[in-house]
């Protein structure tokens, strides 16, 4: 009888330890994923001034576009939470769309080797950002499910594990892209 009770207590302790350790692993994975998103956003942040400088040489009168890009970069630099980072990154995405729309109006710029190289590099970074956001969101989904599901929700409550926010895009980003020829 004591052996059965001892085995049962051992089994409960084992389940408890495994579940707690899984929460720790997932939280560390979320921190890592958020860091990877930050790395890619920082690369984009650092690339944008070169892109702006190249476009500025051709489009000197498009001041509002350049100020929007600068404002978005500043917002990203000051962002601390995932929500703030998401908002700033979306703001920069919108500003970059405007910047590329301006570039479309200048045929010489579109053929400029520096502009093409910067545009290609930015495109690669945008793909990496998308992947990093997806990885972050997948990891957050796994963690949040553990926080809500029984019996792991008991351990989550005991150790104050809370759901993490997802990286989300703004509604304006979800609208269909308009292509004009």
N, C-alpha and C. Protein backbone atom coordinates (compact mmCIF):
# COMPACT_ATOMS: atom_id res chain seq x y z
N UNK A 1 0.82 -1.20 0.00
CA UNK A 1 0.00 0.00 0.00
C UNK A 1 0.87 1.27 0.00
N UNK A 2 1.90 1.28 0.89
CA UNK A 2 2.78 2.44 0.95
C UNK A 2 3.59 2.60 -0.33
N UNK A 3 3.89 1.49 -0.93
CA UNK A 3 4.63 1.54 -2.19
C UNK A 3 3.77 2.19 -3.28
N UNK A 4 2.52 1.83 -3.34
CA UNK A 4 1.60 2.42 -4.33
C UNK A 4 1.44 3.91 -4.08
N UNK A 5 1.26 4.31 -2.84
CA UNK A 5 1.13 5.74 -2.51
C UNK A 5 2.43 6.47 -2.86
N UNK A 6 3.56 5.85 -2.53
CA UNK A 6 4.85 6.44 -2.87
C UNK A 6 5.03 6.60 -4.36
N UNK A 7 4.67 5.59 -5.14
CA UNK A 7 4.76 5.66 -6.61
C UNK A 7 3.82 6.73 -7.17
N UNK A 8 2.63 6.81 -6.59
CA UNK A 8 1.65 7.82 -7.03
C UNK A 8 2.18 9.23 -6.77
N UNK A 9 2.74 9.45 -5.56
CA UNK A 9 3.31 10.76 -5.24
C UNK A 9 4.50 11.08 -6.15
N UNK A 10 5.32 10.06 -6.40
CA UNK A 10 6.46 10.25 -7.31
C UNK A 10 5.97 10.62 -8.71
N UNK A 11 4.95 9.93 -9.19
CA UNK A 11 4.39 10.21 -10.51
C UNK A 11 3.83 11.63 -10.58
N UNK A 12 3.12 12.06 -9.57
CA UNK A 12 2.57 13.43 -9.53
C UNK A 12 3.70 14.45 -9.53
N UNK A 13 4.74 14.20 -8.73
CA UNK A 13 5.90 15.11 -8.68
C UNK A 13 6.61 15.15 -10.03
N UNK A 14 6.71 14.01 -10.68
CA UNK A 14 7.35 13.95 -11.99
C UNK A 14 6.55 14.74 -13.02
N UNK A 15 5.25 14.55 -13.05
CA UNK A 15 4.39 15.30 -13.97
C UNK A 15 4.50 16.80 -13.70
N UNK A 16 4.50 17.15 -12.44
CA UNK A 16 4.62 18.55 -12.02
C UNK A 16 5.94 19.14 -12.55
N UNK A 17 7.05 18.43 -12.32
CA UNK A 17 8.37 18.91 -12.73
C UNK A 17 8.47 19.03 -14.25
N UNK A 18 7.98 18.03 -14.96
CA UNK A 18 8.05 18.06 -16.43
C UNK A 18 7.23 19.22 -16.97
N UNK A 19 6.04 19.43 -16.43
CA UNK A 19 5.19 20.53 -16.90
C UNK A 19 5.82 21.88 -16.60
N UNK A 20 6.35 22.04 -15.40
CA UNK A 20 7.02 23.30 -15.04
C UNK A 20 8.20 23.55 -15.97
N UNK A 21 9.02 22.54 -16.20
CA UNK A 21 10.18 22.69 -17.08
C UNK A 21 9.76 23.01 -18.51
N UNK A 22 8.65 22.47 -18.95
CA UNK A 22 8.14 22.77 -20.30
C UNK A 22 7.77 24.25 -20.41
N UNK A 23 7.17 24.80 -19.35
CA UNK A 23 6.87 26.23 -19.34
C UNK A 23 8.14 27.06 -19.45
N UNK A 24 9.17 26.66 -18.73
CA UNK A 24 10.44 27.39 -18.76
C UNK A 24 11.04 27.34 -20.17
N UNK A 25 11.04 26.16 -20.77
CA UNK A 25 11.57 26.00 -22.13
C UNK A 25 10.80 26.89 -23.12
N UNK A 26 9.48 26.87 -23.01
CA UNK A 26 8.67 27.67 -23.93
C UNK A 26 8.86 29.16 -23.72
N UNK A 27 8.96 29.60 -22.48
CA UNK A 27 9.22 31.03 -22.23
C UNK A 27 10.57 31.43 -22.80
N UNK A 28 11.57 30.59 -22.62
CA UNK A 28 12.89 30.90 -23.19
C UNK A 28 12.84 30.92 -24.71
N UNK A 29 12.07 30.02 -25.29
CA UNK A 29 11.91 30.00 -26.74
C UNK A 29 11.19 31.26 -27.23
N UNK A 30 10.21 31.73 -26.48
CA UNK A 30 9.51 32.98 -26.83
C UNK A 30 10.49 34.15 -26.77
N UNK A 31 11.29 34.21 -25.71
CA UNK A 31 12.29 35.29 -25.60
C UNK A 31 13.27 35.24 -26.77
N UNK A 32 13.70 34.04 -27.13
CA UNK A 32 14.60 33.88 -28.26
C UNK A 32 13.93 34.33 -29.56
N UNK A 33 12.70 33.90 -29.75
CA UNK A 33 11.97 34.26 -30.98
C UNK A 33 11.77 35.78 -31.07
N UNK A 34 11.42 36.39 -29.94
CA UNK A 34 11.25 37.86 -29.93
C UNK A 34 12.58 38.54 -30.26
N UNK A 35 13.65 38.00 -29.73
CA UNK A 35 14.97 38.54 -30.02
C UNK A 35 15.31 38.42 -31.51
N UNK A 36 14.94 37.30 -32.12
CA UNK A 36 15.19 37.12 -33.55
C UNK A 36 14.40 38.12 -34.39
N UNK A 37 13.16 38.39 -33.98
CA UNK A 37 12.37 39.41 -34.67
C UNK A 37 13.08 40.76 -34.54
N UNK A 38 13.54 41.06 -33.33
CA UNK A 38 14.25 42.32 -33.10
C UNK A 38 15.50 42.44 -33.97
N UNK A 39 16.24 41.34 -34.10
CA UNK A 39 17.45 41.36 -34.93
C UNK A 39 17.10 41.73 -36.37
N UNK A 40 16.06 41.11 -36.90
CA UNK A 40 15.67 41.40 -38.29
C UNK A 40 15.13 42.82 -38.43
N UNK A 41 14.35 43.26 -37.45
CA UNK A 41 13.84 44.64 -37.50
C UNK A 41 14.99 45.64 -37.40
N UNK A 42 16.00 45.32 -36.62
CA UNK A 42 17.17 46.19 -36.50
C UNK A 42 17.93 46.25 -37.82
N UNK A 43 18.06 45.10 -38.49
CA UNK A 43 18.71 45.10 -39.81
C UNK A 43 17.96 46.01 -40.77
N UNK A 44 16.61 45.90 -40.74
CA UNK A 44 15.81 46.76 -41.61
C UNK A 44 16.00 48.21 -41.20
N UNK A 45 15.98 48.46 -39.91
CA UNK A 45 16.14 49.81 -39.37
C UNK A 45 17.46 50.42 -39.83
N UNK A 46 18.52 49.64 -39.85
CA UNK A 46 19.83 50.12 -40.27
C UNK A 46 19.93 50.30 -41.79
N UNK A 47 19.20 49.52 -42.54
CA UNK A 47 19.24 49.60 -44.00
C UNK A 47 18.45 50.81 -44.53
N UNK A 48 17.39 51.17 -43.84
CA UNK A 48 16.49 52.21 -44.33
C UNK A 48 17.20 53.54 -44.61
N UNK A 49 18.11 54.05 -43.76
CA UNK A 49 18.76 55.33 -44.09
C UNK A 49 19.49 55.31 -45.42
N UNK A 50 20.13 54.19 -45.76
CA UNK A 50 20.81 54.08 -47.06
C UNK A 50 19.80 54.14 -48.20
N UNK A 51 18.69 53.46 -48.01
CA UNK A 51 17.65 53.47 -49.02
C UNK A 51 17.08 54.88 -49.18
N UNK A 52 16.81 55.53 -48.07
CA UNK A 52 16.26 56.89 -48.11
C UNK A 52 17.24 57.83 -48.78
N UNK A 53 18.52 57.71 -48.45
CA UNK A 53 19.53 58.59 -49.05
C UNK A 53 19.57 58.42 -50.56
N UNK A 54 19.47 57.19 -51.02
CA UNK A 54 19.49 56.91 -52.46
C UNK A 54 18.27 57.52 -53.14
N UNK A 55 17.09 57.35 -52.54
CA UNK A 55 15.87 57.89 -53.12
C UNK A 55 15.86 59.41 -53.04
N UNK A 56 16.36 59.97 -51.95
CA UNK A 56 16.38 61.43 -51.77
C UNK A 56 17.13 62.13 -52.89
N UNK A 57 18.19 61.50 -53.37
CA UNK A 57 18.95 62.10 -54.45
C UNK A 57 18.11 62.33 -55.70
N UNK A 58 17.10 61.52 -55.89
CA UNK A 58 16.24 61.63 -57.07
C UNK A 58 14.96 62.41 -56.78
N UNK A 59 14.45 62.31 -55.59
CA UNK A 59 13.13 62.86 -55.28
C UNK A 59 13.23 63.86 -54.14
N UNK A 60 13.88 64.96 -54.40
CA UNK A 60 14.13 65.96 -53.36
C UNK A 60 12.85 66.59 -52.80
N UNK A 61 11.79 66.65 -53.57
CA UNK A 61 10.57 67.33 -53.13
C UNK A 61 9.60 66.43 -52.37
N UNK A 62 9.93 65.18 -52.17
CA UNK A 62 9.03 64.24 -51.49
C UNK A 62 9.33 64.19 -49.98
N UNK A 63 9.32 65.35 -49.34
CA UNK A 63 9.71 65.47 -47.93
C UNK A 63 8.81 64.68 -46.98
N UNK A 64 7.51 64.64 -47.23
CA UNK A 64 6.60 63.97 -46.30
C UNK A 64 6.91 62.48 -46.20
N UNK A 65 7.27 61.86 -47.30
CA UNK A 65 7.60 60.44 -47.29
C UNK A 65 8.83 60.20 -46.41
N UNK A 66 9.83 61.04 -46.55
CA UNK A 66 11.05 60.88 -45.78
C UNK A 66 10.80 61.13 -44.29
N UNK A 67 9.95 62.09 -43.97
CA UNK A 67 9.66 62.35 -42.55
C UNK A 67 8.88 61.19 -41.93
N UNK A 68 7.99 60.54 -42.72
CA UNK A 68 7.26 59.37 -42.22
C UNK A 68 8.20 58.20 -41.93
N UNK A 69 9.16 58.01 -42.81
CA UNK A 69 10.14 56.94 -42.60
C UNK A 69 10.94 57.23 -41.33
N UNK A 70 11.38 58.47 -41.17
CA UNK A 70 12.14 58.85 -39.98
C UNK A 70 11.32 58.68 -38.71
N UNK A 71 10.06 59.11 -38.76
CA UNK A 71 9.17 58.97 -37.60
C UNK A 71 8.97 57.49 -37.23
N UNK A 72 8.81 56.65 -38.23
CA UNK A 72 8.62 55.22 -37.99
C UNK A 72 9.88 54.58 -37.40
N UNK A 73 11.04 54.97 -37.91
CA UNK A 73 12.30 54.45 -37.36
C UNK A 73 12.47 54.86 -35.91
N UNK A 74 12.12 56.10 -35.60
CA UNK A 74 12.23 56.59 -34.22
C UNK A 74 11.28 55.82 -33.31
N UNK A 75 10.06 55.59 -33.76
CA UNK A 75 9.08 54.84 -32.96
C UNK A 75 9.60 53.43 -32.68
N UNK A 76 10.22 52.80 -33.67
CA UNK A 76 10.76 51.46 -33.46
C UNK A 76 11.89 51.49 -32.44
N UNK A 77 12.75 52.51 -32.51
CA UNK A 77 13.87 52.61 -31.58
C UNK A 77 13.41 52.74 -30.13
N UNK A 78 12.27 53.39 -29.93
CA UNK A 78 11.75 53.64 -28.58
C UNK A 78 10.83 52.53 -28.08
N UNK A 79 10.43 51.62 -28.95
CA UNK A 79 9.48 50.57 -28.57
C UNK A 79 10.10 49.60 -27.57
N UNK A 80 9.31 49.25 -26.55
CA UNK A 80 9.79 48.32 -25.52
C UNK A 80 8.99 47.01 -25.52
N UNK A 81 7.68 47.10 -25.61
CA UNK A 81 6.84 45.90 -25.54
C UNK A 81 6.62 45.33 -26.93
N UNK A 82 6.14 44.10 -26.97
CA UNK A 82 5.83 43.45 -28.25
C UNK A 82 4.78 44.28 -28.99
N UNK A 83 3.80 44.78 -28.27
CA UNK A 83 2.74 45.57 -28.90
C UNK A 83 3.31 46.85 -29.52
N UNK A 84 4.19 47.54 -28.80
CA UNK A 84 4.80 48.75 -29.33
C UNK A 84 5.70 48.44 -30.53
N UNK A 85 6.45 47.35 -30.43
CA UNK A 85 7.33 46.96 -31.53
C UNK A 85 6.52 46.61 -32.77
N UNK A 86 5.41 45.92 -32.55
CA UNK A 86 4.55 45.55 -33.67
C UNK A 86 4.01 46.79 -34.35
N UNK A 87 3.51 47.73 -33.55
CA UNK A 87 2.95 48.97 -34.11
C UNK A 87 4.01 49.75 -34.89
N UNK A 88 5.20 49.87 -34.30
CA UNK A 88 6.28 50.61 -34.97
C UNK A 88 6.74 49.91 -36.25
N UNK A 89 6.84 48.58 -36.20
CA UNK A 89 7.25 47.84 -37.39
C UNK A 89 6.21 47.98 -38.50
N UNK A 90 4.94 47.96 -38.15
CA UNK A 90 3.88 48.15 -39.14
C UNK A 90 3.92 49.56 -39.71
N UNK A 91 4.22 50.53 -38.84
CA UNK A 91 4.34 51.92 -39.29
C UNK A 91 5.49 52.06 -40.29
N UNK A 92 6.61 51.40 -40.00
CA UNK A 92 7.75 51.45 -40.92
C UNK A 92 7.43 50.74 -42.23
N UNK A 93 6.70 49.64 -42.16
CA UNK A 93 6.29 48.94 -43.39
C UNK A 93 5.46 49.87 -44.29
N UNK A 94 4.52 50.60 -43.68
CA UNK A 94 3.70 51.54 -44.45
C UNK A 94 4.54 52.65 -45.05
N UNK A 95 5.49 53.17 -44.27
CA UNK A 95 6.36 54.24 -44.76
C UNK A 95 7.23 53.75 -45.91
N UNK A 96 7.70 52.50 -45.82
CA UNK A 96 8.52 51.94 -46.90
C UNK A 96 7.70 51.74 -48.18
N UNK A 97 6.43 51.38 -48.01
CA UNK A 97 5.57 51.27 -49.19
C UNK A 97 5.47 52.62 -49.91
N UNK A 98 5.31 53.68 -49.12
CA UNK A 98 5.25 55.03 -49.71
C UNK A 98 6.57 55.38 -50.39
N UNK A 99 7.66 55.00 -49.75
CA UNK A 99 8.98 55.28 -50.31
C UNK A 99 9.14 54.58 -51.66
N UNK A 100 8.71 53.32 -51.74
CA UNK A 100 8.82 52.60 -53.00
C UNK A 100 7.84 53.15 -54.04
N UNK A 101 6.72 53.68 -53.60
CA UNK A 101 5.79 54.30 -54.54
C UNK A 101 6.43 55.54 -55.15
N UNK A 102 7.14 56.31 -54.34
CA UNK A 102 7.87 57.48 -54.85
C UNK A 102 8.93 57.01 -55.85
N UNK A 103 9.63 55.96 -55.51
CA UNK A 103 10.69 55.45 -56.39
C UNK A 103 10.15 55.04 -57.75
N UNK A 104 8.91 54.54 -57.77
CA UNK A 104 8.30 54.13 -59.04
C UNK A 104 8.17 55.30 -60.02
N UNK A 105 8.07 56.52 -59.48
CA UNK A 105 7.89 57.70 -60.33
C UNK A 105 9.20 58.17 -60.98
N UNK A 106 10.30 57.56 -60.61
CA UNK A 106 11.60 57.99 -61.12
C UNK A 106 12.29 56.83 -61.85
N UNK A 107 12.14 56.76 -63.18
CA UNK A 107 12.71 55.64 -63.95
C UNK A 107 14.23 55.49 -63.76
N UNK A 108 14.95 56.62 -63.66
CA UNK A 108 16.40 56.53 -63.48
C UNK A 108 16.75 55.87 -62.15
N UNK A 109 15.95 56.17 -61.13
CA UNK A 109 16.17 55.61 -59.81
C UNK A 109 15.92 54.10 -59.83
N UNK A 110 14.84 53.71 -60.51
CA UNK A 110 14.51 52.28 -60.54
C UNK A 110 15.61 51.46 -61.20
N UNK A 111 16.38 52.09 -62.09
CA UNK A 111 17.46 51.39 -62.77
C UNK A 111 18.80 51.54 -62.04
N UNK A 112 18.84 52.38 -61.02
CA UNK A 112 20.06 52.64 -60.28
C UNK A 112 20.52 51.38 -59.56
N UNK A 113 21.77 51.01 -59.75
CA UNK A 113 22.31 49.78 -59.18
C UNK A 113 22.23 49.77 -57.65
N UNK A 114 22.56 50.90 -57.01
CA UNK A 114 22.49 50.98 -55.55
C UNK A 114 21.07 50.78 -55.05
N UNK A 115 20.11 51.41 -55.72
CA UNK A 115 18.72 51.29 -55.32
C UNK A 115 18.25 49.84 -55.46
N UNK A 116 18.60 49.22 -56.58
CA UNK A 116 18.19 47.83 -56.80
C UNK A 116 18.79 46.90 -55.75
N UNK A 117 20.06 47.13 -55.41
CA UNK A 117 20.72 46.30 -54.41
C UNK A 117 20.04 46.50 -53.04
N UNK A 118 19.77 47.75 -52.67
CA UNK A 118 19.11 48.03 -51.40
C UNK A 118 17.70 47.45 -51.36
N UNK A 119 16.99 47.57 -52.48
CA UNK A 119 15.64 47.04 -52.55
C UNK A 119 15.65 45.52 -52.40
N UNK A 120 16.61 44.87 -53.04
CA UNK A 120 16.73 43.41 -52.93
C UNK A 120 17.08 42.99 -51.50
N UNK A 121 18.00 43.73 -50.88
CA UNK A 121 18.39 43.42 -49.50
C UNK A 121 17.21 43.62 -48.55
N UNK A 122 16.46 44.69 -48.77
CA UNK A 122 15.29 44.95 -47.93
C UNK A 122 14.24 43.86 -48.12
N UNK A 123 14.07 43.40 -49.34
CA UNK A 123 13.12 42.32 -49.61
C UNK A 123 13.52 41.05 -48.85
N UNK A 124 14.80 40.74 -48.85
CA UNK A 124 15.28 39.58 -48.10
C UNK A 124 15.04 39.74 -46.61
N UNK A 125 15.30 40.92 -46.09
CA UNK A 125 15.07 41.18 -44.67
C UNK A 125 13.59 41.07 -44.33
N UNK A 126 12.74 41.58 -45.21
CA UNK A 126 11.29 41.49 -44.97
C UNK A 126 10.85 40.03 -44.89
N UNK A 127 11.42 39.17 -45.74
CA UNK A 127 11.11 37.74 -45.68
C UNK A 127 11.56 37.13 -44.36
N UNK A 128 12.75 37.53 -43.90
CA UNK A 128 13.25 37.02 -42.62
C UNK A 128 12.39 37.52 -41.46
N UNK A 129 11.93 38.76 -41.55
CA UNK A 129 11.04 39.30 -40.51
C UNK A 129 9.75 38.49 -40.47
N UNK A 130 9.21 38.20 -41.63
CA UNK A 130 7.97 37.41 -41.70
C UNK A 130 8.18 36.04 -41.08
N UNK A 131 9.30 35.41 -41.39
CA UNK A 131 9.58 34.09 -40.82
C UNK A 131 9.76 34.18 -39.30
N UNK A 132 10.51 35.19 -38.85
CA UNK A 132 10.76 35.35 -37.41
C UNK A 132 9.47 35.62 -36.66
N UNK A 133 8.59 36.42 -37.25
CA UNK A 133 7.28 36.67 -36.62
C UNK A 133 6.45 35.39 -36.56
N UNK A 134 6.49 34.62 -37.63
CA UNK A 134 5.74 33.36 -37.65
C UNK A 134 6.26 32.41 -36.58
N UNK A 135 7.57 32.30 -36.45
CA UNK A 135 8.16 31.44 -35.43
C UNK A 135 7.77 31.92 -34.04
N UNK A 136 7.84 33.22 -33.83
CA UNK A 136 7.44 33.79 -32.53
C UNK A 136 5.98 33.45 -32.24
N UNK A 137 5.11 33.71 -33.19
CA UNK A 137 3.68 33.46 -32.99
C UNK A 137 3.39 31.97 -32.77
N UNK A 138 4.08 31.10 -33.48
CA UNK A 138 3.90 29.65 -33.28
C UNK A 138 4.31 29.26 -31.86
N UNK A 139 5.42 29.82 -31.39
CA UNK A 139 5.89 29.52 -30.04
C UNK A 139 4.94 30.08 -28.99
N UNK A 140 4.45 31.29 -29.21
CA UNK A 140 3.48 31.89 -28.29
C UNK A 140 2.20 31.05 -28.25
N UNK A 141 1.76 30.56 -29.41
CA UNK A 141 0.57 29.73 -29.46
C UNK A 141 0.74 28.47 -28.60
N UNK A 142 1.87 27.81 -28.74
CA UNK A 142 2.15 26.61 -27.94
C UNK A 142 2.13 26.94 -26.45
N UNK A 143 2.81 28.04 -26.09
CA UNK A 143 2.86 28.45 -24.68
C UNK A 143 1.47 28.80 -24.15
N UNK A 144 0.75 29.63 -24.90
CA UNK A 144 -0.58 30.06 -24.46
C UNK A 144 -1.54 28.88 -24.32
N UNK A 145 -1.42 27.91 -25.21
CA UNK A 145 -2.24 26.70 -25.08
C UNK A 145 -1.93 25.97 -23.78
N UNK A 146 -0.65 25.86 -23.44
CA UNK A 146 -0.27 25.21 -22.17
C UNK A 146 -0.82 25.97 -20.97
N UNK A 147 -0.81 27.30 -21.06
CA UNK A 147 -1.32 28.13 -19.95
C UNK A 147 -2.81 27.87 -19.74
N UNK A 148 -3.53 27.59 -20.81
CA UNK A 148 -4.99 27.45 -20.73
C UNK A 148 -5.46 26.01 -20.54
N UNK A 149 -4.66 25.02 -20.92
CA UNK A 149 -5.12 23.62 -20.90
C UNK A 149 -4.91 22.98 -19.53
N UNK A 150 -5.82 22.09 -19.22
CA UNK A 150 -5.72 21.32 -17.98
C UNK A 150 -4.80 20.12 -18.22
N UNK A 151 -3.97 19.74 -17.36
CA UNK A 151 -3.70 20.19 -16.00
C UNK A 151 -2.59 21.23 -15.90
N UNK A 152 -1.95 21.55 -17.05
CA UNK A 152 -0.84 22.51 -17.00
C UNK A 152 -1.29 23.90 -16.55
N UNK A 153 -2.59 24.22 -16.71
CA UNK A 153 -3.07 25.52 -16.27
C UNK A 153 -2.96 25.68 -14.75
N UNK A 154 -2.98 24.59 -14.02
CA UNK A 154 -2.83 24.64 -12.56
C UNK A 154 -1.42 25.11 -12.22
N UNK A 155 -0.45 24.54 -12.88
CA UNK A 155 0.95 24.92 -12.65
C UNK A 155 1.20 26.34 -13.14
N UNK A 156 0.60 26.68 -14.28
CA UNK A 156 0.72 28.05 -14.79
C UNK A 156 0.20 29.05 -13.77
N UNK A 157 -0.92 28.75 -13.18
CA UNK A 157 -1.51 29.63 -12.17
C UNK A 157 -0.62 29.70 -10.93
N UNK A 158 -0.11 28.56 -10.49
CA UNK A 158 0.74 28.52 -9.28
C UNK A 158 2.00 29.37 -9.44
N UNK A 159 2.60 29.35 -10.63
CA UNK A 159 3.86 30.04 -10.85
C UNK A 159 3.70 31.32 -11.68
N UNK A 160 2.47 31.77 -11.81
CA UNK A 160 2.16 33.05 -12.45
C UNK A 160 2.66 33.13 -13.91
N UNK A 161 2.54 32.03 -14.64
CA UNK A 161 2.83 32.06 -16.08
C UNK A 161 1.61 32.66 -16.76
N UNK A 162 1.82 33.75 -17.50
CA UNK A 162 0.73 34.45 -18.18
C UNK A 162 0.90 34.33 -19.69
N UNK A 163 -0.24 34.44 -20.38
CA UNK A 163 -0.20 34.40 -21.85
C UNK A 163 0.66 35.54 -22.39
N UNK A 164 1.29 35.27 -23.53
CA UNK A 164 2.10 36.27 -24.21
C UNK A 164 1.32 36.82 -25.41
N UNK A 165 1.57 38.07 -25.79
CA UNK A 165 0.88 38.63 -26.96
C UNK A 165 1.50 38.15 -28.26
N UNK A 166 0.69 38.11 -29.30
CA UNK A 166 1.16 37.75 -30.64
C UNK A 166 1.65 39.01 -31.35
N UNK A 167 2.55 38.82 -32.33
CA UNK A 167 2.86 39.90 -33.27
C UNK A 167 1.71 39.93 -34.26
N UNK A 168 1.08 41.07 -34.39
CA UNK A 168 -0.06 41.18 -35.30
C UNK A 168 0.17 42.34 -36.25
N UNK A 169 -0.44 42.26 -37.41
CA UNK A 169 -0.35 43.37 -38.35
C UNK A 169 -1.62 44.21 -38.24
N UNK A 170 -1.49 45.47 -38.64
CA UNK A 170 -2.62 46.38 -38.57
C UNK A 170 -3.62 46.06 -39.69
N UNK A 171 -4.83 46.51 -39.49
CA UNK A 171 -5.89 46.26 -40.48
C UNK A 171 -5.51 46.81 -41.86
N UNK A 172 -4.85 47.97 -41.89
CA UNK A 172 -4.48 48.57 -43.18
C UNK A 172 -3.53 47.66 -43.97
N UNK A 173 -2.74 46.85 -43.27
CA UNK A 173 -1.81 45.94 -43.92
C UNK A 173 -2.53 44.75 -44.55
N UNK A 174 -3.76 44.48 -44.12
CA UNK A 174 -4.51 43.31 -44.59
C UNK A 174 -5.28 43.59 -45.89
N UNK A 175 -5.37 44.86 -46.27
CA UNK A 175 -6.10 45.21 -47.48
C UNK A 175 -5.36 44.69 -48.71
N UNK A 176 -6.11 44.38 -49.78
CA UNK A 176 -5.44 43.90 -51.00
C UNK A 176 -4.50 44.96 -51.58
N UNK A 177 -3.42 44.50 -52.14
CA UNK A 177 -2.44 45.40 -52.77
C UNK A 177 -2.99 45.84 -54.11
N UNK A 178 -2.89 47.13 -54.38
CA UNK A 178 -3.38 47.67 -55.65
C UNK A 178 -2.22 47.76 -56.62
N UNK A 179 -2.37 47.14 -57.78
CA UNK A 179 -1.33 47.14 -58.80
C UNK A 179 -1.86 47.88 -60.02
N UNK A 180 -1.10 48.88 -60.45
CA UNK A 180 -1.47 49.67 -61.62
C UNK A 180 -0.39 49.55 -62.68
N UNK A 181 -0.82 49.32 -63.93
CA UNK A 181 0.13 49.26 -65.03
C UNK A 181 -0.13 50.40 -65.98
